[in-house]
């Protein structure tokens, strides 16, 4: 019985630690472009258009595509750009999450993304 409780306690602590780490990452330095009203008719079309716009920066060598999610982009191992569309597809934003301190170039890229997220 004690062994089962110990395993459960460790699992709870690990879960709480992971959740806290995730909360810190989501609220980490970098900010967001804020919500932009867009003319997409659905969340799917908004995502498609947003990815198309972000690919401008990929093609220019400013950022890279993520291997796992088409709406997530990265810059090195420190910065994540997360494209978010509202359920109706009428608003879009890009969150910028820096694992460590964001550098000036990251803020410059966020400003460019802010301009791209208008359609």
C-alpha atoms as a PDB file:
ATOM      1  CA  UNK A   1       0.000   0.000   0.000  1.00  0.00           C
ATOM      2  CA  UNK A   2       2.789   2.408   0.911  1.00  0.00           C
ATOM      3  CA  UNK A   3       4.509   1.691  -2.398  1.00  0.00           C
ATOM      4  CA  UNK A   4       1.336   2.586  -4.342  1.00  0.00           C
ATOM      5  CA  UNK A   5       0.993   5.825  -2.362  1.00  0.00           C
ATOM      6  CA  UNK A   6       4.604   6.729  -3.054  1.00  0.00           C
ATOM      7  CA  UNK A   7       4.147   6.199  -6.781  1.00  0.00           C
ATOM      8  CA  UNK A   8       0.952   8.246  -6.717  1.00  0.00           C
ATOM      9  CA  UNK A   9       2.686  11.040  -4.782  1.00  0.00           C
ATOM     10  CA  UNK A  10       5.582  11.137  -7.228  1.00  0.00           C
ATOM     11  CA  UNK A  11       3.166  11.169 -10.179  1.00  0.00           C
ATOM     12  CA  UNK A  12       1.259  14.070  -8.610  1.00  0.00           C
ATOM     13  CA  UNK A  13       4.432  16.079  -7.995  1.00  0.00           C
ATOM     14  CA  UNK A  14       5.654  15.452 -11.556  1.00  0.00           C
ATOM     15  CA  UNK A  15       2.267  16.480 -12.952  1.00  0.00           C
ATOM     16  CA  UNK A  16       2.210  19.679 -10.883  1.00  0.00           C
ATOM     17  CA  UNK A  17       5.775  20.497 -11.929  1.00  0.00           C
ATOM     18  CA  UNK A  18       4.989  19.959 -15.615  1.00  0.00           C
ATOM     19  CA  UNK A  19       1.837  22.062 -15.369  1.00  0.00           C
ATOM     20  CA  UNK A  20       3.743  24.878 -13.657  1.00  0.00           C
ATOM     21  CA  UNK A  21       6.418  24.713 -16.337  1.00  0.00           C
ATOM     22  CA  UNK A  22       3.767  24.873 -19.039  1.00  0.00           C
ATOM     23  CA  UNK A  23       2.108  27.850 -17.341  1.00  0.00           C
ATOM     24  CA  UNK A  24       5.450  29.640 -17.218  1.00  0.00           C
ATOM     25  CA  UNK A  25       6.113  28.874 -20.879  1.00  0.00           C
ATOM     26  CA  UNK A  26       2.710  30.148 -21.983  1.00  0.00           C
ATOM     27  CA  UNK A  27       3.121  33.364 -20.040  1.00  0.00           C
ATOM     28  CA  UNK A  28       6.837  33.622 -20.833  1.00  0.00           C
ATOM     29  CA  UNK A  29       8.570  36.638 -22.261  1.00  0.00           C
ATOM     30  CA  UNK A  30       7.794  37.504 -25.869  1.00  0.00           C
ATOM     31  CA  UNK A  31       4.198  38.680 -25.833  1.00  0.00           C
ATOM     32  CA  UNK A  32       1.647  38.486 -28.591  1.00  0.00           C
ATOM     33  CA  UNK A  33       0.583  40.391 -31.667  1.00  0.00           C
ATOM     34  CA  UNK A  34      -2.844  40.745 -30.099  1.00  0.00           C
ATOM     35  CA  UNK A  35      -6.052  39.807 -31.871  1.00  0.00           C
ATOM     36  CA  UNK A  36      -6.502  41.082 -35.428  1.00  0.00           C
ATOM     37  CA  UNK A  37      -9.881  41.091 -37.146  1.00  0.00           C
ATOM     38  CA  UNK A  38      -9.536  39.176 -40.432  1.00  0.00           C
ATOM     39  CA  UNK A  39     -11.836  38.287 -43.309  1.00  0.00           C
ATOM     40  CA  UNK A  40     -11.598  34.486 -43.028  1.00  0.00           C
ATOM     41  CA  UNK A  41     -14.874  32.607 -43.055  1.00  0.00           C
ATOM     42  CA  UNK A  42     -13.793  29.767 -40.769  1.00  0.00           C
ATOM     43  CA  UNK A  43     -11.085  28.673 -38.367  1.00  0.00           C
ATOM     44  CA  UNK A  44      -9.674  26.365 -41.059  1.00  0.00           C
ATOM     45  CA  UNK A  45      -9.376  29.128 -43.656  1.00  0.00           C
ATOM     46  CA  UNK A  46      -7.913  31.475 -41.038  1.00  0.00           C
ATOM     47  CA  UNK A  47      -5.244  28.898 -40.145  1.00  0.00           C
ATOM     48  CA  UNK A  48      -4.483  28.315 -43.816  1.00  0.00           C
ATOM     49  CA  UNK A  49      -4.067  32.034 -44.507  1.00  0.00           C
ATOM     50  CA  UNK A  50      -2.060  32.594 -41.309  1.00  0.00           C
ATOM     51  CA  UNK A  51       0.311  29.750 -42.190  1.00  0.00           C
ATOM     52  CA  UNK A  52       0.659  31.195 -45.685  1.00  0.00           C
ATOM     53  CA  UNK A  53       1.634  34.566 -44.175  1.00  0.00           C
ATOM     54  CA  UNK A  54       4.082  32.981 -41.699  1.00  0.00           C
ATOM     55  CA  UNK A  55       5.702  31.072 -44.574  1.00  0.00           C
ATOM     56  CA  UNK A  56       6.830  34.444 -45.944  1.00  0.00           C
ATOM     57  CA  UNK A  57       9.162  34.628 -42.938  1.00  0.00           C
ATOM     58  CA  UNK A  58      10.137  30.959 -43.339  1.00  0.00           C
ATOM     59  CA  UNK A  59      11.067  31.534 -46.987  1.00  0.00           C
ATOM     60  CA  UNK A  60      13.060  34.617 -45.957  1.00  0.00           C
ATOM     61  CA  UNK A  61      15.045  32.591 -43.427  1.00  0.00           C
ATOM     62  CA  UNK A  62      13.739  34.537 -40.411  1.00  0.00           C
ATOM     63  CA  UNK A  63      11.964  31.582 -38.754  1.00  0.00           C
ATOM     64  CA  UNK A  64      11.555  27.830 -39.262  1.00  0.00           C
ATOM     65  CA  UNK A  65       8.567  25.506 -39.451  1.00  0.00           C
ATOM     66  CA  UNK A  66       7.892  23.250 -36.488  1.00  0.00           C
ATOM     67  CA  UNK A  67       8.140  19.535 -37.168  1.00  0.00           C
ATOM     68  CA  UNK A  68       4.963  18.732 -35.257  1.00  0.00           C
ATOM     69  CA  UNK A  69       2.307  21.402 -35.871  1.00  0.00           C
ATOM     70  CA  UNK A  70       1.738  23.422 -39.054  1.00  0.00           C
ATOM     71  CA  UNK A  71       0.549  26.438 -37.024  1.00  0.00           C
ATOM     72  CA  UNK A  72       3.705  26.537 -34.868  1.00  0.00           C
ATOM     73  CA  UNK A  73       7.014  28.051 -35.937  1.00  0.00           C
ATOM     74  CA  UNK A  74      10.368  28.478 -34.222  1.00  0.00           C
ATOM     75  CA  UNK A  75      13.528  30.519 -34.227  1.00  0.00           C
ATOM     76  CA  UNK A  76      16.481  28.453 -33.075  1.00  0.00           C
ATOM     77  CA  UNK A  77      15.896  26.549 -29.865  1.00  0.00           C
ATOM     78  CA  UNK A  78      14.758  29.585 -27.905  1.00  0.00           C
ATOM     79  CA  UNK A  79      11.658  31.071 -29.557  1.00  0.00           C
ATOM     80  CA  UNK A  80       8.258  29.616 -30.476  1.00  0.00           C
ATOM     81  CA  UNK A  81       5.687  31.450 -32.603  1.00  0.00           C
ATOM     82  CA  UNK A  82       2.201  30.021 -32.109  1.00  0.00           C
ATOM     83  CA  UNK A  83      -0.542  30.965 -34.605  1.00  0.00           C
ATOM     84  CA  UNK A  84      -4.016  31.078 -33.017  1.00  0.00           C
ATOM     85  CA  UNK A  85      -7.305  31.598 -34.880  1.00  0.00           C
ATOM     86  CA  UNK A  86     -10.654  32.235 -33.222  1.00  0.00           C
ATOM     87  CA  UNK A  87     -13.236  29.435 -33.671  1.00  0.00           C
ATOM     88  CA  UNK A  88     -15.210  31.473 -36.229  1.00  0.00           C
ATOM     89  CA  UNK A  89     -12.030  32.422 -38.115  1.00  0.00           C
ATOM     90  CA  UNK A  90     -12.702  36.125 -37.736  1.00  0.00           C
ATOM     91  CA  UNK A  91      -9.695  36.892 -35.501  1.00  0.00           C
ATOM     92  CA  UNK A  92      -6.046  35.816 -35.496  1.00  0.00           C
ATOM     93  CA  UNK A  93      -3.057  36.362 -33.219  1.00  0.00           C
ATOM     94  CA  UNK A  94       0.488  35.040 -32.918  1.00  0.00           C
ATOM     95  CA  UNK A  95       1.928  34.361 -29.481  1.00  0.00           C
ATOM     96  CA  UNK A  96       5.684  34.641 -29.060  1.00  0.00           C
ATOM     97  CA  UNK A  97       7.193  32.432 -26.369  1.00  0.00           C
ATOM     98  CA  UNK A  98      10.880  32.783 -25.511  1.00  0.00           C
ATOM     99  CA  UNK A  99      12.390  30.001 -23.435  1.00  0.00           C
ATOM    100  CA  UNK A 100      15.060  32.408 -22.209  1.00  0.00           C
ATOM    101  CA  UNK A 101      15.252  36.164 -22.663  1.00  0.00           C
ATOM    102  CA  UNK A 102      13.987  37.419 -26.033  1.00  0.00           C
ATOM    103  CA  UNK A 103      16.498  39.338 -28.109  1.00  0.00           C
ATOM    104  CA  UNK A 104      15.810  42.478 -30.136  1.00  0.00           C
ATOM    105  CA  UNK A 105      15.509  40.530 -33.365  1.00  0.00           C
ATOM    106  CA  UNK A 106      12.655  38.486 -31.883  1.00  0.00           C
ATOM    107  CA  UNK A 107      10.716  41.678 -31.129  1.00  0.00           C
ATOM    108  CA  UNK A 108      11.473  42.942 -34.648  1.00  0.00           C
ATOM    109  CA  UNK A 109      10.098  39.701 -36.109  1.00  0.00           C
ATOM    110  CA  UNK A 110       7.000  40.004 -33.902  1.00  0.00           C
ATOM    111  CA  UNK A 111       6.419  43.488 -35.357  1.00  0.00           C
ATOM    112  CA  UNK A 112       6.691  42.078 -38.898  1.00  0.00           C
ATOM    113  CA  UNK A 113       4.265  39.279 -37.985  1.00  0.00           C
ATOM    114  CA  UNK A 114       1.905  41.895 -36.556  1.00  0.00           C
ATOM    115  CA  UNK A 115       1.852  43.589 -39.972  1.00  0.00           C
ATOM    116  CA  UNK A 116       1.408  40.281 -41.830  1.00  0.00           C
ATOM    117  CA  UNK A 117      -1.655  39.263 -39.798  1.00  0.00           C
ATOM    118  CA  UNK A 118      -3.972  41.633 -41.644  1.00  0.00           C
ATOM    119  CA  UNK A 119      -6.222  40.359 -44.439  1.00  0.00           C
END
